[in-house]
């Protein structure tokens, strides 16, 4: 599928572990942008990732700038509650990087300005919800990319 997930300054190891499992399930690379709110050897991270973590294609970046320089992404899908376009209206293509901010603050403020045109949201018709859990949001958007890009003849039958 050639789509990656990017977490900018993730804070909660359980969420990152769960997102790692999603990446393994979808054969996606996970990029982590430092600083992180935990150590990569954190037991909660490993516990949430179970034995999937050893199969994770993981890249650690010192900064957003280093990520851009190293990866040179062709398309960025910036997931935020501040996005004005639904993630279901975003047209994923191979090489897209799905980017999510930290649990407590989202993206650093400059990213909202720089990437205003690439911000997408996850529709939430419930009147009392501000946002979703980071791992939940990552899974929703990652599976939407999978839905758009996967071809039936590329899939092997599997059981859930």
N, C-alpha and C. Protein backbone atom coordinates (compact mmCIF):
# COMPACT_ATOMS: atom_id res chain seq x y z
N UNK A 1 0.84 -1.20 0.00
CA UNK A 1 0.00 0.00 0.00
C UNK A 1 0.87 1.25 0.00
N UNK A 2 2.07 1.18 0.61
CA UNK A 2 3.03 2.27 0.62
C UNK A 2 2.47 3.56 1.23
N UNK A 3 1.80 3.44 2.35
CA UNK A 3 1.33 4.58 3.14
C UNK A 3 1.98 4.44 4.51
N UNK A 4 2.34 5.56 5.12
CA UNK A 4 2.98 5.54 6.44
C UNK A 4 2.16 6.34 7.44
N UNK A 5 2.33 6.01 8.72
CA UNK A 5 1.77 6.80 9.81
C UNK A 5 2.89 7.55 10.49
N UNK A 6 2.61 8.80 10.85
CA UNK A 6 3.60 9.66 11.50
C UNK A 6 2.97 10.22 12.77
N UNK A 7 3.65 10.06 13.90
CA UNK A 7 3.19 10.64 15.16
C UNK A 7 4.15 11.74 15.56
N UNK A 8 3.62 12.95 15.71
CA UNK A 8 4.43 14.10 16.11
C UNK A 8 4.31 14.27 17.62
N UNK A 9 5.40 14.02 18.32
CA UNK A 9 5.49 14.20 19.78
C UNK A 9 4.45 13.38 20.55
N UNK A 10 4.33 12.09 20.27
CA UNK A 10 3.36 11.29 21.03
C UNK A 10 3.76 11.25 22.51
N UNK A 11 2.75 11.19 23.37
CA UNK A 11 3.00 11.28 24.82
C UNK A 11 2.67 10.00 25.59
N UNK A 12 1.76 9.21 25.09
CA UNK A 12 1.25 8.07 25.86
C UNK A 12 1.70 6.76 25.21
N UNK A 13 2.51 5.98 25.93
CA UNK A 13 3.06 4.77 25.32
C UNK A 13 2.00 3.75 24.90
N UNK A 14 0.90 3.66 25.63
CA UNK A 14 -0.16 2.71 25.27
C UNK A 14 -0.70 3.02 23.87
N UNK A 15 -0.90 4.30 23.59
CA UNK A 15 -1.42 4.69 22.27
C UNK A 15 -0.43 4.34 21.17
N UNK A 16 0.83 4.67 21.39
CA UNK A 16 1.85 4.38 20.37
C UNK A 16 1.98 2.87 20.15
N UNK A 17 1.88 2.09 21.21
CA UNK A 17 1.92 0.64 21.07
C UNK A 17 0.76 0.12 20.25
N UNK A 18 -0.43 0.63 20.52
CA UNK A 18 -1.62 0.21 19.76
C UNK A 18 -1.50 0.63 18.29
N UNK A 19 -0.97 1.82 18.05
CA UNK A 19 -0.78 2.30 16.68
C UNK A 19 0.26 1.43 15.97
N UNK A 20 1.29 1.01 16.68
CA UNK A 20 2.26 0.09 16.10
C UNK A 20 1.61 -1.20 15.63
N UNK A 21 0.67 -1.71 16.39
CA UNK A 21 -0.06 -2.92 15.99
C UNK A 21 -0.85 -2.68 14.70
N UNK A 22 -1.48 -1.52 14.59
CA UNK A 22 -2.21 -1.18 13.36
C UNK A 22 -1.23 -1.14 12.19
N UNK A 23 -0.08 -0.55 12.39
CA UNK A 23 0.92 -0.47 11.31
C UNK A 23 1.38 -1.85 10.86
N UNK A 24 1.60 -2.74 11.81
CA UNK A 24 2.00 -4.11 11.44
C UNK A 24 0.87 -4.78 10.67
N UNK A 25 -0.37 -4.61 11.12
CA UNK A 25 -1.52 -5.24 10.45
C UNK A 25 -1.68 -4.75 9.02
N UNK A 26 -1.36 -3.48 8.78
CA UNK A 26 -1.54 -2.89 7.45
C UNK A 26 -0.23 -2.79 6.66
N UNK A 27 0.85 -3.31 7.22
CA UNK A 27 2.17 -3.25 6.59
C UNK A 27 2.58 -1.80 6.30
N UNK A 28 2.38 -0.94 7.29
CA UNK A 28 2.75 0.48 7.20
C UNK A 28 3.98 0.75 8.05
N UNK A 29 4.78 1.68 7.63
CA UNK A 29 5.88 2.17 8.45
C UNK A 29 5.33 3.17 9.45
N UNK A 30 5.89 3.16 10.67
CA UNK A 30 5.54 4.14 11.69
C UNK A 30 6.73 5.06 11.90
N UNK A 31 6.49 6.36 11.77
CA UNK A 31 7.51 7.38 12.03
C UNK A 31 7.16 8.07 13.34
N UNK A 32 8.12 8.18 14.24
CA UNK A 32 7.93 8.91 15.49
C UNK A 32 8.82 10.14 15.48
N UNK A 33 8.20 11.30 15.70
CA UNK A 33 8.93 12.57 15.73
C UNK A 33 9.19 12.95 17.18
N UNK A 34 10.44 13.10 17.54
CA UNK A 34 10.81 13.48 18.91
C UNK A 34 10.53 14.95 19.16
N UNK A 35 10.34 15.33 20.43
CA UNK A 35 10.49 14.50 21.62
C UNK A 35 9.27 13.60 21.85
N UNK A 36 9.54 12.47 22.46
CA UNK A 36 8.49 11.53 22.84
C UNK A 36 8.22 11.69 24.33
N UNK A 37 7.02 11.38 24.74
CA UNK A 37 6.67 11.47 26.16
C UNK A 37 6.98 10.20 26.93
N UNK A 38 7.79 9.32 26.36
CA UNK A 38 8.10 8.02 26.96
C UNK A 38 9.37 7.49 26.34
N UNK A 39 9.91 6.45 26.93
CA UNK A 39 11.09 5.77 26.42
C UNK A 39 10.62 4.63 25.52
N UNK A 40 11.31 4.39 24.44
CA UNK A 40 10.91 3.31 23.52
C UNK A 40 11.02 1.92 24.15
N UNK A 41 11.66 1.82 25.30
CA UNK A 41 11.73 0.54 26.01
C UNK A 41 10.66 0.44 27.09
N UNK A 42 9.75 1.42 27.11
CA UNK A 42 8.69 1.46 28.12
C UNK A 42 7.86 0.18 28.08
N UNK A 43 7.60 -0.41 29.23
CA UNK A 43 6.85 -1.67 29.28
C UNK A 43 5.41 -1.49 28.81
N UNK A 44 4.83 -0.31 29.00
CA UNK A 44 3.45 -0.07 28.56
C UNK A 44 3.38 -0.03 27.03
N UNK A 45 4.42 0.53 26.41
CA UNK A 45 4.50 0.55 24.95
C UNK A 45 4.56 -0.88 24.42
N UNK A 46 5.44 -1.67 24.99
CA UNK A 46 5.60 -3.06 24.55
C UNK A 46 4.35 -3.88 24.84
N UNK A 47 3.73 -3.63 25.97
CA UNK A 47 2.53 -4.39 26.33
C UNK A 47 1.39 -4.10 25.35
N UNK A 48 1.20 -2.83 25.01
CA UNK A 48 0.14 -2.48 24.06
C UNK A 48 0.44 -3.02 22.67
N UNK A 49 1.72 -3.08 22.32
CA UNK A 49 2.11 -3.59 21.01
C UNK A 49 2.21 -5.10 20.95
N UNK A 50 2.14 -5.75 22.12
CA UNK A 50 2.26 -7.21 22.21
C UNK A 50 3.49 -7.69 21.45
N UNK A 51 3.38 -8.86 20.84
CA UNK A 51 4.52 -9.39 20.09
C UNK A 51 4.59 -8.83 18.67
N UNK A 52 3.69 -7.91 18.34
CA UNK A 52 3.73 -7.27 17.03
C UNK A 52 4.91 -6.32 16.92
N UNK A 53 5.32 -5.74 18.06
CA UNK A 53 6.32 -4.67 18.05
C UNK A 53 7.61 -5.10 17.35
N UNK A 54 8.00 -6.36 17.49
CA UNK A 54 9.24 -6.82 16.86
C UNK A 54 9.13 -6.84 15.33
N UNK A 55 7.92 -6.78 14.79
CA UNK A 55 7.72 -6.79 13.34
C UNK A 55 7.46 -5.39 12.78
N UNK A 56 7.44 -4.40 13.66
CA UNK A 56 7.12 -3.03 13.25
C UNK A 56 8.26 -2.39 12.48
N UNK A 57 7.94 -1.77 11.36
CA UNK A 57 8.89 -0.97 10.59
C UNK A 57 8.85 0.44 11.20
N UNK A 58 9.80 0.73 12.06
CA UNK A 58 9.79 1.96 12.86
C UNK A 58 10.97 2.84 12.51
N UNK A 59 10.69 4.13 12.32
CA UNK A 59 11.75 5.12 12.10
C UNK A 59 11.57 6.24 13.10
N UNK A 60 12.65 6.59 13.77
CA UNK A 60 12.65 7.65 14.77
C UNK A 60 13.34 8.88 14.17
N UNK A 61 12.71 10.05 14.31
CA UNK A 61 13.27 11.30 13.77
C UNK A 61 13.48 12.29 14.91
N UNK A 62 14.59 13.02 14.86
CA UNK A 62 14.90 14.01 15.90
C UNK A 62 13.96 15.20 15.88
N UNK A 63 13.40 15.52 14.71
CA UNK A 63 12.54 16.71 14.58
C UNK A 63 11.67 16.57 13.33
N UNK A 64 10.68 17.46 13.23
CA UNK A 64 9.83 17.51 12.04
C UNK A 64 10.68 17.82 10.81
N UNK A 65 11.62 18.75 10.98
CA UNK A 65 12.48 19.14 9.86
C UNK A 65 13.33 17.97 9.37
N UNK A 66 13.85 17.19 10.30
CA UNK A 66 14.64 16.02 9.91
C UNK A 66 13.76 14.99 9.20
N UNK A 67 12.53 14.82 9.67
CA UNK A 67 11.59 13.92 9.00
C UNK A 67 11.38 14.36 7.55
N UNK A 68 11.11 15.65 7.34
CA UNK A 68 10.88 16.16 5.98
C UNK A 68 12.11 15.96 5.10
N UNK A 69 13.28 16.25 5.65
CA UNK A 69 14.52 16.12 4.89
C UNK A 69 14.81 14.67 4.53
N UNK A 70 14.62 13.79 5.48
CA UNK A 70 14.93 12.37 5.28
C UNK A 70 13.91 11.67 4.38
N UNK A 71 12.64 11.89 4.65
CA UNK A 71 11.58 11.15 3.97
C UNK A 71 11.09 11.81 2.68
N UNK A 72 11.18 13.13 2.61
CA UNK A 72 10.68 13.88 1.45
C UNK A 72 9.30 13.37 1.03
N UNK A 73 8.31 13.49 1.92
CA UNK A 73 6.98 12.93 1.64
C UNK A 73 6.32 13.59 0.43
N UNK A 74 5.69 12.77 -0.40
CA UNK A 74 5.00 13.30 -1.58
C UNK A 74 3.62 13.84 -1.24
N UNK A 75 3.01 13.35 -0.17
CA UNK A 75 1.69 13.82 0.25
C UNK A 75 1.56 13.67 1.76
N UNK A 76 1.00 14.70 2.39
CA UNK A 76 0.77 14.68 3.83
C UNK A 76 -0.72 14.81 4.10
N UNK A 77 -1.25 13.88 4.86
CA UNK A 77 -2.64 13.92 5.32
C UNK A 77 -2.57 14.24 6.80
N UNK A 78 -2.79 15.49 7.16
CA UNK A 78 -2.63 15.98 8.53
C UNK A 78 -3.96 15.85 9.26
N UNK A 79 -4.05 14.92 10.20
CA UNK A 79 -5.31 14.62 10.88
C UNK A 79 -5.44 15.49 12.12
N UNK A 80 -6.53 16.26 12.17
CA UNK A 80 -6.74 17.19 13.28
C UNK A 80 -8.22 17.50 13.45
N UNK A 81 -8.63 17.72 14.68
CA UNK A 81 -10.01 18.16 14.90
C UNK A 81 -10.23 19.55 14.30
N UNK A 82 -9.15 20.25 13.97
CA UNK A 82 -9.26 21.57 13.34
C UNK A 82 -9.41 21.49 11.82
N UNK A 83 -9.29 20.30 11.26
CA UNK A 83 -9.44 20.13 9.82
C UNK A 83 -10.86 20.45 9.37
N UNK A 84 -10.99 20.97 8.18
CA UNK A 84 -12.32 21.33 7.66
C UNK A 84 -12.82 20.33 6.62
N UNK A 85 -11.97 19.40 6.21
CA UNK A 85 -12.34 18.39 5.22
C UNK A 85 -12.31 17.02 5.89
N UNK A 86 -13.27 16.19 5.58
CA UNK A 86 -13.35 14.85 6.15
C UNK A 86 -12.23 13.96 5.60
N UNK A 87 -11.73 13.09 6.45
CA UNK A 87 -10.72 12.12 5.98
C UNK A 87 -11.32 11.19 4.92
N UNK A 88 -12.63 11.08 4.89
CA UNK A 88 -13.28 10.23 3.88
C UNK A 88 -13.34 10.91 2.51
N UNK A 89 -13.09 12.21 2.47
CA UNK A 89 -13.02 12.94 1.20
C UNK A 89 -11.59 13.11 0.71
N UNK A 90 -10.63 12.71 1.51
CA UNK A 90 -9.23 12.79 1.13
C UNK A 90 -8.93 11.65 0.16
N UNK A 91 -8.21 11.94 -0.90
CA UNK A 91 -7.86 10.91 -1.88
C UNK A 91 -6.44 10.44 -1.61
N UNK A 92 -6.33 9.29 -0.96
CA UNK A 92 -5.03 8.73 -0.63
C UNK A 92 -4.36 8.20 -1.89
N UNK A 93 -3.05 8.31 -1.92
CA UNK A 93 -2.27 7.76 -3.02
C UNK A 93 -1.03 7.11 -2.41
N UNK A 94 -0.40 6.19 -3.13
CA UNK A 94 0.82 5.60 -2.60
C UNK A 94 1.82 6.71 -2.25
N UNK A 95 2.49 6.54 -1.13
CA UNK A 95 3.45 7.54 -0.68
C UNK A 95 2.88 8.54 0.31
N UNK A 96 1.57 8.48 0.56
CA UNK A 96 0.96 9.40 1.53
C UNK A 96 1.47 9.09 2.93
N UNK A 97 1.74 10.14 3.68
CA UNK A 97 2.08 10.03 5.10
C UNK A 97 0.90 10.60 5.89
N UNK A 98 0.28 9.77 6.72
CA UNK A 98 -0.82 10.18 7.59
C UNK A 98 -0.18 10.68 8.88
N UNK A 99 -0.41 11.95 9.21
CA UNK A 99 0.29 12.60 10.32
C UNK A 99 -0.70 12.96 11.42
N UNK A 100 -0.36 12.59 12.65
CA UNK A 100 -1.18 12.92 13.82
C UNK A 100 -0.30 13.58 14.87
N UNK A 101 -0.88 14.54 15.60
CA UNK A 101 -0.15 15.25 16.64
C UNK A 101 -0.25 14.56 17.98
N UNK A 102 0.22 15.24 19.01
CA UNK A 102 0.24 14.67 20.35
C UNK A 102 -1.16 14.59 20.96
N UNK A 103 -1.28 13.75 21.96
CA UNK A 103 -2.57 13.53 22.62
C UNK A 103 -3.10 14.80 23.29
N UNK A 104 -2.23 15.58 23.90
CA UNK A 104 -2.71 16.74 24.66
C UNK A 104 -2.81 18.02 23.86
N UNK A 105 -2.01 18.17 22.83
CA UNK A 105 -1.99 19.45 22.13
C UNK A 105 -2.09 19.41 20.63
N UNK A 106 -2.18 18.23 20.05
CA UNK A 106 -2.22 18.17 18.59
C UNK A 106 -0.86 18.51 18.00
N UNK A 107 -0.86 19.29 16.94
CA UNK A 107 0.38 19.67 16.28
C UNK A 107 0.98 20.91 16.92
N UNK A 108 2.30 21.07 16.80
CA UNK A 108 2.88 22.36 17.16
C UNK A 108 2.24 23.44 16.28
N UNK A 109 2.01 24.60 16.83
CA UNK A 109 1.26 25.67 16.14
C UNK A 109 1.76 25.96 14.72
N UNK A 110 3.08 26.01 14.46
CA UNK A 110 3.52 26.30 13.09
C UNK A 110 3.02 25.30 12.05
N UNK A 111 2.80 24.06 12.44
CA UNK A 111 2.32 23.07 11.47
C UNK A 111 0.89 23.35 11.04
N UNK A 112 0.08 23.89 11.95
CA UNK A 112 -1.30 24.24 11.57
C UNK A 112 -1.30 25.30 10.48
N UNK A 113 -0.41 26.25 10.59
CA UNK A 113 -0.32 27.33 9.60
C UNK A 113 0.26 26.83 8.29
N UNK A 114 1.38 26.14 8.38
CA UNK A 114 2.08 25.67 7.18
C UNK A 114 1.25 24.68 6.38
N UNK A 115 0.51 23.82 7.06
CA UNK A 115 -0.21 22.74 6.38
C UNK A 115 -1.73 22.90 6.47
N UNK A 116 -2.21 24.12 6.56
CA UNK A 116 -3.65 24.37 6.70
C UNK A 116 -4.45 23.67 5.60
N UNK A 117 -3.95 23.63 4.40
CA UNK A 117 -4.65 23.01 3.28
C UNK A 117 -4.68 21.49 3.31
N UNK A 118 -3.85 20.89 4.15
CA UNK A 118 -3.79 19.43 4.23
C UNK A 118 -4.47 18.88 5.49
N UNK A 119 -5.09 19.74 6.28
CA UNK A 119 -5.75 19.29 7.51
C UNK A 119 -7.06 18.58 7.19
N UNK A 120 -7.22 17.39 7.72
CA UNK A 120 -8.47 16.65 7.58
C UNK A 120 -8.97 16.27 8.97
N UNK A 121 -10.26 16.06 9.08
CA UNK A 121 -10.83 15.65 10.36
C UNK A 121 -11.51 14.30 10.22
N UNK A 122 -11.88 13.74 11.34
CA UNK A 122 -12.71 12.54 11.38
C UNK A 122 -14.09 13.02 11.81
N UNK A 123 -15.10 12.85 10.97
CA UNK A 123 -16.43 13.35 11.32
C UNK A 123 -16.92 12.76 12.65
N UNK A 124 -17.45 13.62 13.49
CA UNK A 124 -18.00 13.20 14.78
C UNK A 124 -19.34 13.89 14.97
N UNK A 125 -20.43 13.25 14.54
CA UNK A 125 -21.74 13.89 14.65
C UNK A 125 -22.24 14.05 16.08
N UNK A 126 -21.66 13.34 17.02
CA UNK A 126 -22.08 13.48 18.43
C UNK A 126 -21.75 14.88 18.93
N UNK A 127 -22.70 15.57 19.55
CA UNK A 127 -22.51 16.97 19.94
C UNK A 127 -21.55 17.18 21.11
N UNK A 128 -21.16 16.14 21.81
CA UNK A 128 -20.35 16.33 23.02
C UNK A 128 -18.91 15.86 22.87
N UNK A 129 -18.50 15.43 21.69
CA UNK A 129 -17.14 14.93 21.49
C UNK A 129 -16.25 16.01 20.87
N UNK A 130 -15.10 16.25 21.49
CA UNK A 130 -14.12 17.19 20.94
C UNK A 130 -13.16 16.49 20.00
N UNK A 131 -12.76 15.29 20.42
CA UNK A 131 -11.77 14.55 19.64
C UNK A 131 -11.81 13.08 20.05
N UNK A 132 -11.08 12.27 19.32
CA UNK A 132 -10.98 10.84 19.60
C UNK A 132 -9.61 10.53 20.19
N UNK A 133 -9.50 9.38 20.81
CA UNK A 133 -8.22 8.87 21.27
C UNK A 133 -7.27 8.77 20.07
N UNK A 134 -5.99 9.05 20.29
CA UNK A 134 -5.01 9.06 19.21
C UNK A 134 -4.95 7.72 18.47
N UNK A 135 -4.93 6.62 19.21
CA UNK A 135 -4.85 5.32 18.56
C UNK A 135 -6.10 5.02 17.74
N UNK A 136 -7.25 5.43 18.26
CA UNK A 136 -8.51 5.24 17.53
C UNK A 136 -8.49 6.06 16.24
N UNK A 137 -8.09 7.31 16.34
CA UNK A 137 -8.04 8.19 15.17
C UNK A 137 -7.06 7.65 14.13
N UNK A 138 -5.90 7.21 14.57
CA UNK A 138 -4.91 6.66 13.63
C UNK A 138 -5.47 5.45 12.90
N UNK A 139 -6.14 4.57 13.63
CA UNK A 139 -6.70 3.37 13.01
C UNK A 139 -7.79 3.71 12.00
N UNK A 140 -8.65 4.65 12.34
CA UNK A 140 -9.73 5.03 11.42
C UNK A 140 -9.15 5.53 10.10
N UNK A 141 -8.20 6.44 10.17
CA UNK A 141 -7.65 7.04 8.94
C UNK A 141 -6.78 6.03 8.19
N UNK A 142 -6.02 5.22 8.91
CA UNK A 142 -5.18 4.21 8.25
C UNK A 142 -6.04 3.21 7.48
N UNK A 143 -7.13 2.78 8.08
CA UNK A 143 -8.00 1.83 7.39
C UNK A 143 -8.78 2.47 6.25
N UNK A 144 -9.02 3.77 6.32
CA UNK A 144 -9.63 4.46 5.17
C UNK A 144 -8.64 4.48 4.01
N UNK A 145 -7.37 4.73 4.30
CA UNK A 145 -6.35 4.68 3.24
C UNK A 145 -6.29 3.27 2.65
N UNK A 146 -6.32 2.28 3.50
CA UNK A 146 -6.32 0.89 3.05
C UNK A 146 -7.53 0.61 2.16
N UNK A 147 -8.70 1.06 2.59
CA UNK A 147 -9.92 0.84 1.81
C UNK A 147 -9.79 1.44 0.42
N UNK A 148 -9.23 2.65 0.35
CA UNK A 148 -9.11 3.31 -0.94
C UNK A 148 -8.05 2.68 -1.84
N UNK A 149 -6.96 2.21 -1.26
CA UNK A 149 -5.83 1.77 -2.07
C UNK A 149 -5.71 0.27 -2.27
N UNK A 150 -6.32 -0.52 -1.41
CA UNK A 150 -6.19 -1.97 -1.52
C UNK A 150 -6.98 -2.49 -2.70
N UNK A 151 -6.40 -3.41 -3.39
CA UNK A 151 -7.08 -4.04 -4.52
C UNK A 151 -7.43 -5.47 -4.10
N UNK A 152 -8.63 -5.94 -4.40
CA UNK A 152 -9.03 -7.29 -3.96
C UNK A 152 -8.04 -8.37 -4.34
N UNK A 153 -7.42 -8.27 -5.51
CA UNK A 153 -6.49 -9.33 -5.91
C UNK A 153 -5.16 -9.24 -5.17
N UNK A 154 -4.94 -8.17 -4.40
CA UNK A 154 -3.73 -8.05 -3.60
C UNK A 154 -3.91 -8.60 -2.19
N UNK A 155 -5.12 -8.96 -1.87
CA UNK A 155 -5.42 -9.39 -0.51
C UNK A 155 -5.52 -10.90 -0.44
N UNK A 156 -4.95 -11.46 0.60
CA UNK A 156 -5.12 -12.88 0.86
C UNK A 156 -6.25 -13.00 1.86
N UNK A 157 -6.99 -14.08 1.76
CA UNK A 157 -8.06 -14.28 2.74
C UNK A 157 -7.44 -14.46 4.12
N UNK A 158 -8.01 -13.80 5.08
CA UNK A 158 -7.53 -13.94 6.45
C UNK A 158 -8.72 -13.96 7.38
N UNK A 159 -8.46 -14.36 8.59
CA UNK A 159 -9.52 -14.36 9.60
C UNK A 159 -9.21 -13.29 10.62
N UNK A 160 -10.26 -12.70 11.15
CA UNK A 160 -10.08 -11.63 12.14
C UNK A 160 -9.90 -12.21 13.52
